[in-house]
C-alpha atoms as a PDB file:
ATOM      1  CA  MET A   1      13.122   5.942 -12.173  1.00  0.00           C
ATOM      2  CA  PRO A   2       9.445   7.091 -12.371  1.00  0.00           C
ATOM      3  CA  VAL A   3       6.228   4.974 -12.343  1.00  0.00           C
ATOM      4  CA  GLU A   4       2.759   6.235 -12.737  1.00  0.00           C
ATOM      5  CA  VAL A   5       0.320   5.217  -9.899  1.00  0.00           C
ATOM      6  CA  ARG A   6      -3.236   5.464  -9.643  1.00  0.00           C
ATOM      7  CA  VAL A   7      -5.386   4.411  -6.362  1.00  0.00           C
ATOM      8  CA  PHE A   8      -9.052   3.820  -6.309  1.00  0.00           C
ATOM      9  CA  CYS A   9     -12.026   3.639  -3.942  1.00  0.00           C
ATOM     10  CA  GLY A  10     -10.718   4.938  -0.710  1.00  0.00           C
ATOM     11  CA  LEU A  11      -6.888   3.763  -1.108  1.00  0.00           C
ATOM     12  CA  GLU A  12      -6.128   7.531  -1.644  1.00  0.00           C
ATOM     13  CA  SER A  13      -6.791   8.060   1.955  1.00  0.00           C
ATOM     14  CA  CYS A  14      -3.518   6.345   2.825  1.00  0.00           C
ATOM     15  CA  ILE A  15      -1.506   8.977   0.612  1.00  0.00           C
ATOM     16  CA  PRO A  16      -1.244  12.578   1.637  1.00  0.00           C
ATOM     17  CA  GLY A  17      -2.612  14.835  -1.330  1.00  0.00           C
ATOM     18  CA  ALA A  18      -3.650  11.721  -3.312  1.00  0.00           C
ATOM     19  CA  ARG A  19      -7.099  11.641  -5.337  1.00  0.00           C
ATOM     20  CA  SER A  20      -8.894   8.688  -6.239  1.00  0.00           C
ATOM     21  CA  GLY A  21      -8.056   7.681 -10.001  1.00  0.00           C
ATOM     22  CA  GLU A  22      -5.557  10.677 -10.565  1.00  0.00           C
ATOM     23  CA  PRO A  23      -2.236   9.772 -11.600  1.00  0.00           C
ATOM     24  CA  MET A  24       0.951  10.411  -9.611  1.00  0.00           C
ATOM     25  CA  TRP A  25       4.457   9.815 -10.345  1.00  0.00           C
ATOM     26  CA  VAL A  26       6.505   7.939  -7.807  1.00  0.00           C
ATOM     27  CA  ASP A  27      10.253   7.382  -8.078  1.00  0.00           C
ATOM     28  CA  ILE A  28      11.388   3.733  -7.359  1.00  0.00           C
ATOM     29  CA  LYS A  29      14.488   1.619  -7.830  1.00  0.00           C
ATOM     30  CA  ALA A  30      14.808  -0.404 -10.772  1.00  0.00           C
ATOM     31  CA  GLY A  31      13.166  -3.926 -10.256  1.00  0.00           C
ATOM     32  CA  GLU A  32      11.652  -2.641  -7.059  1.00  0.00           C
ATOM     33  CA  SER A  33       8.568  -5.027  -6.201  1.00  0.00           C
ATOM     34  CA  GLY A  34       4.809  -4.256  -6.128  1.00  0.00           C
ATOM     35  CA  ARG A  35       4.906  -5.035  -2.387  1.00  0.00           C
ATOM     36  CA  ALA A  36       7.848  -2.554  -1.886  1.00  0.00           C
ATOM     37  CA  LEU A  37       5.845   0.270  -3.723  1.00  0.00           C
ATOM     38  CA  LEU A  38       2.649  -0.387  -1.655  1.00  0.00           C
ATOM     39  CA  ALA A  39       4.842   0.038   1.528  1.00  0.00           C
ATOM     40  CA  ARG A  40       6.454   3.190   0.263  1.00  0.00           C
ATOM     41  CA  LEU A  41       2.744   4.523  -0.319  1.00  0.00           C
ATOM     42  CA  ASN A  42       1.781   3.274   3.120  1.00  0.00           C
ATOM     43  CA  ILE A  43      -0.944   1.289   1.616  1.00  0.00           C
ATOM     44  CA  PRO A  44      -1.361  -1.903   3.820  1.00  0.00           C
ATOM     45  CA  GLU A  45      -0.891  -5.079   1.645  1.00  0.00           C
ATOM     46  CA  GLU A  46      -4.095  -6.675   2.754  1.00  0.00           C
ATOM     47  CA  LYS A  47      -6.084  -3.517   1.391  1.00  0.00           C
ATOM     48  CA  ALA A  48      -4.794  -3.831  -2.168  1.00  0.00           C
ATOM     49  CA  PHE A  49      -6.894  -6.515  -3.715  1.00  0.00           C
ATOM     50  CA  SER A  50      -6.138  -5.757  -7.313  1.00  0.00           C
ATOM     51  CA  PHE A  51      -2.675  -4.790  -8.457  1.00  0.00           C
ATOM     52  CA  LEU A  52      -2.458  -3.931 -12.073  1.00  0.00           C
ATOM     53  CA  VAL A  53       0.748  -3.130 -14.073  1.00  0.00           C
ATOM     54  CA  ASN A  54       0.129  -1.905 -17.514  1.00  0.00           C
ATOM     55  CA  GLY A  55      -3.397  -3.149 -17.476  1.00  0.00           C
ATOM     56  CA  VAL A  56      -2.575  -6.615 -16.521  1.00  0.00           C
ATOM     57  CA  ARG A  57      -3.298  -8.105 -12.885  1.00  0.00           C
ATOM     58  CA  ARG A  58      -0.047  -9.175 -11.362  1.00  0.00           C
ATOM     59  CA  ASP A  59       0.945 -10.325  -7.981  1.00  0.00           C
ATOM     60  CA  LEU A  60       3.051  -8.211  -5.551  1.00  0.00           C
ATOM     61  CA  THR A  61       6.099  -9.857  -6.112  1.00  0.00           C
ATOM     62  CA  VAL A  62       6.409  -8.326  -9.696  1.00  0.00           C
ATOM     63  CA  GLY A  63       9.404  -6.168 -10.428  1.00  0.00           C
ATOM     64  CA  LEU A  64       8.462  -2.735 -11.894  1.00  0.00           C
ATOM     65  CA  ALA A  65      10.363  -0.816 -14.778  1.00  0.00           C
ATOM     66  CA  ASP A  66      10.573   2.712 -15.715  1.00  0.00           C
ATOM     67  CA  GLY A  67       7.390   4.196 -17.004  1.00  0.00           C
ATOM     68  CA  ASP A  68       5.105   1.307 -15.742  1.00  0.00           C
ATOM     69  CA  ARG A  69       1.460   2.145 -15.065  1.00  0.00           C
ATOM     70  CA  VAL A  70       0.217   0.836 -11.854  1.00  0.00           C
ATOM     71  CA  ALA A  71      -3.366   0.785 -10.516  1.00  0.00           C
ATOM     72  CA  VAL A  72      -4.218  -0.348  -7.144  1.00  0.00           C
ATOM     73  CA  PHE A  73      -8.063  -1.266  -6.176  1.00  0.00           C
ATOM     74  CA  PRO A  74      -9.413  -2.492  -2.740  1.00  0.00           C
ATOM     75  CA  ALA A  75     -12.012  -5.096  -2.630  1.00  0.00           C
ATOM     76  CA  VAL A  76     -15.362  -3.516  -3.347  1.00  0.00           C
ATOM     77  CA  GLY A  77     -18.833  -4.933  -2.853  1.00  0.00           C
ATOM     78  CA  GLY A  78     -21.680  -4.397  -4.976  1.00  0.00           C
ATOM     79  CA  GLY A  79     -25.218  -5.614  -6.035  1.00  0.00           C
END
Protein backbone atom coordinates (compact mmCIF):
# COMPACT_ATOMS: atom_id res chain seq x y z
CA MET A 1 0.00 0.00 0.00
CA PRO A 2 1.34 3.47 -0.80
CA VAL A 3 2.16 6.28 1.61
CA GLU A 4 3.34 9.74 0.61
CA VAL A 5 6.69 10.69 2.14
CA ARG A 6 8.43 14.05 2.20
CA VAL A 7 11.85 14.58 3.76
CA PHE A 8 13.47 17.91 4.56
CA CYS A 9 16.69 19.76 5.47
CA GLY A 10 19.31 17.31 4.27
CA LEU A 11 17.53 14.02 4.95
CA GLU A 12 17.01 13.67 1.21
CA SER A 13 20.71 12.80 0.94
CA CYS A 14 19.85 9.42 2.52
CA ILE A 15 17.54 8.51 -0.38
CA PRO A 16 18.90 8.33 -3.94
CA GLY A 17 16.95 10.68 -6.21
CA ALA A 18 14.95 12.32 -3.41
CA ARG A 19 14.56 16.09 -3.24
CA SER A 20 13.83 18.14 -0.14
CA GLY A 21 10.11 18.68 0.32
CA GLU A 22 9.14 16.80 -2.84
CA PRO A 23 6.58 14.01 -2.39
CA MET A 24 7.54 10.43 -3.12
CA TRP A 25 5.33 7.39 -2.90
CA VAL A 26 6.62 4.41 -0.95
CA ASP A 27 4.91 1.01 -0.88
CA ILE A 28 4.73 -0.45 2.60
CA LYS A 29 2.93 -3.27 4.38
CA ALA A 30 -0.32 -2.42 6.18
CA GLY A 31 0.44 -1.27 9.72
CA GLU A 32 4.19 -0.91 9.10
CA SER A 33 5.72 1.34 11.76
CA GLY A 34 7.34 4.69 11.23
CA ARG A 35 10.56 3.09 12.47
CA ALA A 36 10.35 0.44 9.71
CA LEU A 37 9.67 3.14 7.11
CA LEU A 38 12.80 5.06 8.15
CA ALA A 39 14.84 1.86 7.89
CA ARG A 40 13.40 1.20 4.43
CA LEU A 41 14.45 4.72 3.38
CA ASN A 42 17.95 4.42 4.93
CA ILE A 43 17.30 7.33 7.27
CA PRO A 44 19.06 6.83 10.60
CA GLU A 45 16.50 7.02 13.38
CA GLU A 46 18.62 9.47 15.38
CA LYS A 47 18.44 11.95 12.48
CA ALA A 48 14.63 11.99 12.40
CA PHE A 49 13.80 14.62 15.02
CA SER A 50 10.19 15.21 13.92
CA PHE A 51 8.01 12.50 12.37
CA LEU A 52 4.58 13.69 11.25
CA VAL A 53 1.70 11.59 9.96
CA ASN A 54 -1.12 13.52 8.30
CA GLY A 55 0.19 16.72 9.89
CA VAL A 56 0.33 15.37 13.46
CA ARG A 57 3.60 14.68 15.27
CA ARG A 58 3.78 10.98 16.11
CA ASP A 59 6.37 8.63 17.59
CA LEU A 60 8.08 6.04 15.45
CA THR A 61 5.96 3.16 16.76
CA VAL A 62 2.86 4.45 14.96
CA GLY A 63 1.38 2.04 12.44
CA LEU A 64 0.90 3.55 9.00
CA ALA A 65 -2.18 3.20 6.80
CA ASP A 66 -2.92 3.40 3.10
CA GLY A 67 -2.54 6.94 1.79
CA ASP A 68 -0.98 8.41 4.93
CA ARG A 69 1.12 11.54 4.39
CA VAL A 70 4.44 11.35 6.22
CA ALA A 71 6.91 14.20 6.74
CA VAL A 72 10.33 13.75 8.33
CA PHE A 73 12.50 16.60 9.65
CA PRO A 74 15.92 16.57 11.30
CA ALA A 75 16.77 18.79 14.24
CA VAL A 76 17.63 22.23 12.91
CA GLY A 77 19.18 25.22 14.57
CA GLY A 78 18.30 28.80 14.10
CA GLY A 79 18.60 32.21 15.52
